Amino acid sequence: MSRIDPDALFDMRDRVAIVTGGSRGLGLSIAHALAGAGARVVIASRKVEACERAAREVEQAGGVALPIPTHLGDPEQVRRLVEESVRQLGRLDCVVNNAAVGLRMRLADFDEGAWEKSLAVNLRGPLQLMHHALPHLERSNAAAILNILSIGGMRGSQSLLGYGSAKAALEHATQSAAAELGPRGIRVNAIAPGPFRTDMLGAGGPELEAEMAAKTLLGRVAEPNEIMGAALFLASPASSFVTGSVLVVDGGVLA
């Protein structure tokens, strides 16, 4: 058995990765993880200033980052994101679909506009990004797609009908894409986070954070940087024989 080189397992040098929703929270932590492993990272998010600020932060930490403002709910912007990434950086090896909107909705107060917005950003956008990235990923010798799901899409909720339904559909899309793209040498996996200390959780106030912490086996919510290990594993050569999988990172909520 050959000696294992831990650095080589997680080596992302010479690779280009797009991270949507990369200007804050889990997306920014994932961008830091990939850049720290040597990847050139495209940070995509709706607001120009937020993208540029995040790119500067990654570069100040020693990485290479390119900000490309993108609204995942706009199909034309998604297409341009891929084209501009390849034009400026020359290739594309990894796509991380992290951008999401956590609109709260119940069946009793179903809203057509909110439903369409949730599907547009949480499901259609990731599918379109994978579609436009496909020709470029096929030219990579280590192509990987990582979709960020949610444990909210794995069990029912009284208030996350739109968000949870879209994330559940994205899980199915992950497995379908893995089946389709595996023969082309493209791995497709997902992470299903539980409660992380992000703006989405923070919007519910300290009561929601305490409630979610109590549901975990570890008795706390996670910090955004605790997603780094899982994301780097699934994006790097360390998971070279892993595809069609969902890695749950939830502190034991679903255990």
Protein backbone atom coordinates (compact mmCIF):
# COMPACT_ATOMS: atom_id res chain seq x y z
CA MET A 1 0.00 0.00 0.00
CA SER A 2 1.43 3.38 -1.01
CA ARG A 3 2.04 6.08 1.58
CA ILE A 4 -0.82 8.53 1.94
CA ASP A 5 0.01 12.21 1.52
CA PRO A 6 -2.68 14.19 3.41
CA ASP A 7 -1.78 17.39 1.58
CA ALA A 8 -2.26 15.76 -1.81
CA LEU A 9 -5.64 14.37 -0.79
CA PHE A 10 -7.02 17.89 -0.35
CA ASP A 11 -4.95 19.63 -3.01
CA MET A 12 -7.06 22.03 -5.13
CA ARG A 13 -4.19 23.80 -6.88
CA ASP A 14 -4.71 24.66 -10.56
CA ARG A 15 -8.48 24.32 -10.17
CA VAL A 16 -11.20 26.90 -10.52
CA ALA A 17 -14.33 26.77 -8.37
CA ILE A 18 -17.55 28.80 -8.46
CA VAL A 19 -19.21 29.32 -5.09
CA THR A 20 -22.68 30.87 -5.19
CA GLY A 21 -23.87 32.75 -2.16
CA GLY A 22 -20.16 33.10 -1.50
CA SER A 23 -20.12 36.54 0.08
CA ARG A 24 -21.13 35.48 3.60
CA GLY A 25 -22.08 32.61 5.89
CA LEU A 26 -21.49 29.07 4.71
CA GLY A 27 -20.62 30.19 1.19
CA LEU A 28 -17.81 32.45 2.35
CA SER A 29 -16.44 29.72 4.61
CA ILE A 30 -16.48 27.27 1.69
CA ALA A 31 -14.72 29.83 -0.51
CA HIS A 32 -12.02 30.21 2.15
CA ALA A 33 -11.62 26.42 2.39
CA LEU A 34 -11.23 25.93 -1.36
CA ALA A 35 -8.92 28.92 -1.76
CA GLY A 36 -6.84 27.76 1.20
CA ALA A 37 -6.36 24.44 -0.60
CA GLY A 38 -5.10 26.29 -3.67
CA ALA A 39 -8.17 26.77 -5.85
CA ARG A 40 -8.95 30.02 -7.61
CA VAL A 41 -12.43 30.85 -6.37
CA VAL A 42 -15.23 32.76 -8.08
CA ILE A 43 -17.45 34.39 -5.50
CA ALA A 44 -20.98 34.86 -6.81
CA SER A 45 -23.61 36.77 -4.87
CA ARG A 46 -26.31 39.32 -5.64
CA LYS A 47 -24.66 42.47 -4.31
CA VAL A 48 -21.56 43.93 -5.96
CA GLU A 49 -20.12 45.36 -2.76
CA ALA A 50 -20.60 42.11 -0.84
CA CYS A 51 -18.88 40.09 -3.58
CA GLU A 52 -15.93 42.44 -3.73
CA ARG A 53 -15.58 42.56 0.05
CA ALA A 54 -15.60 38.76 0.28
CA ALA A 55 -13.04 38.44 -2.53
CA ARG A 56 -10.73 40.88 -0.72
CA GLU A 57 -11.10 38.87 2.48
CA VAL A 58 -10.14 35.64 0.70
CA GLU A 59 -7.16 37.32 -0.95
CA GLN A 60 -5.99 38.85 2.32
CA ALA A 61 -5.93 35.30 3.68
CA GLY A 62 -3.59 34.31 0.84
CA GLY A 63 -6.09 32.98 -1.69
CA VAL A 64 -7.16 34.00 -5.19
CA ALA A 65 -10.75 35.17 -5.63
CA LEU A 66 -12.77 36.72 -8.43
CA PRO A 67 -16.04 38.52 -7.57
CA ILE A 68 -18.85 38.11 -10.12
CA PRO A 69 -22.18 39.55 -8.91
CA THR A 70 -24.96 37.12 -9.85
CA HIS A 71 -28.61 36.65 -9.00
CA LEU A 72 -29.26 32.90 -9.13
CA GLY A 73 -32.92 33.57 -9.85
CA ASP A 74 -32.02 35.21 -13.18
CA PRO A 75 -31.21 32.60 -15.88
CA GLU A 76 -29.24 35.04 -18.01
CA GLN A 77 -27.04 36.04 -15.07
CA VAL A 78 -26.38 32.37 -14.32
CA ARG A 79 -25.23 31.81 -17.91
CA ARG A 80 -22.99 34.86 -17.76
CA LEU A 81 -21.50 33.70 -14.47
CA VAL A 82 -20.12 30.57 -16.11
CA GLU A 83 -18.97 32.37 -19.26
CA GLU A 84 -17.20 35.13 -17.35
CA SER A 85 -15.57 32.70 -14.92
CA VAL A 86 -14.07 30.68 -17.77
CA ARG A 87 -13.13 33.78 -19.75
CA GLN A 88 -11.18 35.28 -16.87
CA LEU A 89 -9.75 32.16 -15.26
CA GLY A 90 -9.48 29.82 -18.22
CA ARG A 91 -11.25 26.75 -16.91
CA LEU A 92 -13.86 25.40 -14.49
CA ASP A 93 -13.42 22.37 -12.25
CA CYS A 94 -15.86 22.76 -9.38
CA VAL A 95 -19.31 24.24 -8.81
CA VAL A 96 -20.72 24.84 -5.33
CA ASN A 97 -24.44 25.62 -5.32
CA ASN A 98 -24.84 27.36 -1.99
CA ALA A 99 -27.01 30.44 -2.71
CA ALA A 100 -30.48 30.15 -1.21
CA VAL A 101 -33.45 32.10 0.07
CA GLY A 102 -35.07 30.84 3.25
CA LEU A 103 -38.55 32.26 2.77
CA ARG A 104 -40.94 31.04 5.44
CA MET A 105 -44.26 29.75 4.18
CA ARG A 106 -47.06 27.51 5.38
CA LEU A 107 -49.75 25.82 3.35
CA ALA A 108 -52.33 27.93 5.17
CA ASP A 109 -50.78 31.16 3.86
CA PHE A 110 -49.46 29.87 0.54
CA ASP A 111 -48.13 32.68 -1.62
CA GLU A 112 -47.53 32.14 -5.33
CA GLY A 113 -44.83 34.80 -5.54
CA ALA A 114 -42.86 33.44 -2.59
CA TRP A 115 -43.18 29.90 -3.93
CA GLU A 116 -41.82 30.90 -7.34
CA LYS A 117 -38.97 32.87 -5.77
CA SER A 118 -37.98 29.90 -3.64
CA LEU A 119 -37.97 27.53 -6.60
CA ALA A 120 -36.12 30.03 -8.81
CA VAL A 121 -33.19 30.52 -6.43
CA ASN A 122 -33.11 27.25 -4.48
CA LEU A 123 -33.75 24.83 -7.35
CA ARG A 124 -33.86 26.28 -10.86
CA GLY A 125 -30.72 28.38 -10.37
CA PRO A 126 -28.57 25.43 -9.25
CA LEU A 127 -29.89 23.27 -12.09
CA GLN A 128 -29.11 25.96 -14.65
CA LEU A 129 -25.65 26.53 -13.21
CA MET A 130 -24.88 22.82 -13.48
CA HIS A 131 -26.22 22.81 -17.03
CA HIS A 132 -24.10 25.73 -18.21
CA ALA A 133 -21.03 24.44 -16.37
CA LEU A 134 -21.27 20.96 -17.86
CA PRO A 135 -19.22 21.48 -21.06
CA HIS A 136 -16.39 23.00 -19.03
CA LEU A 137 -16.51 20.40 -16.27
CA GLU A 138 -16.22 17.66 -18.89
CA ARG A 139 -12.81 19.06 -19.81
CA SER A 140 -11.57 18.84 -16.22
CA ASN A 141 -9.71 15.80 -14.95
CA ALA A 142 -11.18 16.26 -11.46
CA ALA A 143 -14.64 17.77 -11.90
CA ALA A 144 -16.91 18.06 -8.88
CA ILE A 145 -20.31 19.56 -8.16
CA LEU A 146 -21.35 20.24 -4.58
CA ASN A 147 -24.94 21.18 -3.79
CA ILE A 148 -25.79 22.61 -0.39
CA LEU A 149 -29.08 21.18 0.81
CA SER A 150 -30.63 21.43 4.27
CA ILE A 151 -31.94 19.00 6.84
CA GLY A 152 -35.08 21.14 6.44
CA GLY A 153 -35.60 19.32 3.14
CA MET A 154 -35.32 15.90 4.82
CA ARG A 155 -38.18 16.18 7.27
CA GLY A 156 -41.38 18.17 7.54
CA SER A 157 -41.63 21.66 8.95
CA GLN A 158 -44.51 23.88 9.97
CA SER A 159 -43.09 26.95 8.24
CA LEU A 160 -40.57 25.95 5.56
CA LEU A 161 -42.84 24.56 2.87
CA GLY A 162 -41.21 26.46 0.00
CA TYR A 163 -37.60 26.23 1.16
CA GLY A 164 -37.82 22.62 2.30
CA SER A 165 -39.60 21.46 -0.86
CA ALA A 166 -36.96 23.09 -3.07
CA LYS A 167 -34.12 21.56 -1.06
CA ALA A 168 -35.76 18.13 -1.20
CA ALA A 169 -36.01 18.48 -4.97
CA LEU A 170 -32.36 19.54 -5.14
CA GLU A 171 -31.41 16.35 -3.29
CA HIS A 172 -33.16 14.31 -5.97
CA ALA A 173 -31.49 16.42 -8.65
CA THR A 174 -28.11 15.75 -7.02
CA GLN A 175 -28.60 12.00 -7.22
CA SER A 176 -29.99 12.18 -10.77
CA ALA A 177 -27.08 14.33 -11.91
CA ALA A 178 -24.63 11.93 -10.26
CA ALA A 179 -26.16 9.04 -12.22
CA GLU A 180 -26.04 10.98 -15.49
CA LEU A 181 -22.61 12.57 -15.10
CA GLY A 182 -20.67 9.79 -13.39
CA PRO A 183 -19.83 8.13 -16.73
CA ARG A 184 -18.49 11.52 -17.89
CA GLY A 185 -16.09 11.70 -14.95
CA ILE A 186 -18.02 14.34 -13.00
CA ARG A 187 -18.78 13.69 -9.35
CA VAL A 188 -21.95 15.20 -7.85
CA ASN A 189 -22.51 15.27 -4.09
CA ALA A 190 -24.29 17.35 -1.49
CA ILE A 191 -24.06 18.58 2.08
CA ALA A 192 -27.17 18.87 4.24
CA PRO A 193 -26.35 21.36 7.01
CA GLY A 194 -28.26 21.61 10.23
CA PRO A 195 -28.32 24.73 12.43
CA PHE A 196 -25.41 27.06 11.65
CA ARG A 197 -24.95 30.56 13.02
CA THR A 198 -25.74 32.40 9.77
CA ASP A 199 -27.97 35.33 8.83
CA MET A 200 -30.73 32.89 7.89
CA LEU A 201 -30.83 31.43 11.39
CA GLY A 202 -30.20 34.80 13.01
CA ALA A 203 -33.31 36.25 11.38
CA GLY A 204 -35.35 34.07 13.71
CA GLY A 205 -33.87 35.70 16.80
CA PRO A 206 -32.13 34.20 19.85
CA GLU A 207 -35.18 32.10 20.70
CA LEU A 208 -34.91 30.18 17.41
CA GLU A 209 -31.17 29.66 17.87
CA ALA A 210 -31.73 28.28 21.36
CA GLU A 211 -34.51 26.01 20.08
CA MET A 212 -32.31 24.65 17.28
CA ALA A 213 -29.33 24.17 19.60
CA ALA A 214 -31.50 22.07 21.90
CA LYS A 215 -32.35 19.74 19.01
CA THR A 216 -28.73 18.81 18.37
CA LEU A 217 -26.89 16.05 20.19
CA LEU A 218 -23.97 18.43 20.70
CA GLY A 219 -26.18 21.04 22.39
CA ARG A 220 -25.18 23.98 20.20
CA VAL A 221 -25.41 25.51 16.76
CA ALA A 222 -22.37 25.42 14.48
CA GLU A 223 -20.11 28.25 13.41
CA PRO A 224 -19.94 28.80 9.62
CA ASN A 225 -16.32 27.62 9.43
CA GLU A 226 -17.41 24.18 10.65
CA ILE A 227 -18.68 23.47 7.13
CA MET A 228 -15.14 23.76 5.72
CA GLY A 229 -13.99 20.18 6.26
CA ALA A 230 -17.04 18.59 4.69
CA ALA A 231 -16.96 20.92 1.70
CA LEU A 232 -13.24 20.49 1.04
CA PHE A 233 -13.57 16.71 1.34
CA LEU A 234 -16.32 16.50 -1.30
CA ALA A 235 -14.68 19.00 -3.66
CA SER A 236 -11.16 17.53 -3.51
CA PRO A 237 -9.37 14.30 -4.50
CA ALA A 238 -10.00 13.04 -0.96
CA SER A 239 -13.47 11.95 -2.13
CA SER A 240 -12.43 10.69 -5.57
CA PHE A 241 -14.70 7.61 -5.32
CA VAL A 242 -17.67 9.42 -3.77
CA THR A 243 -20.62 10.51 -5.90
CA GLY A 244 -24.37 10.69 -5.41
CA SER A 245 -23.91 11.08 -1.66
CA VAL A 246 -25.39 13.48 0.87
CA LEU A 247 -23.19 14.30 3.85
CA VAL A 248 -25.30 15.46 6.80
CA VAL A 249 -23.56 18.07 8.97
CA ASP A 250 -26.15 18.79 11.65
CA GLY A 251 -24.68 18.11 15.08
CA GLY A 252 -26.85 15.01 15.34
CA VAL A 253 -30.30 16.51 14.78
CA LEU A 254 -31.34 13.66 12.48
CA ALA A 255 -29.55 10.95 14.47
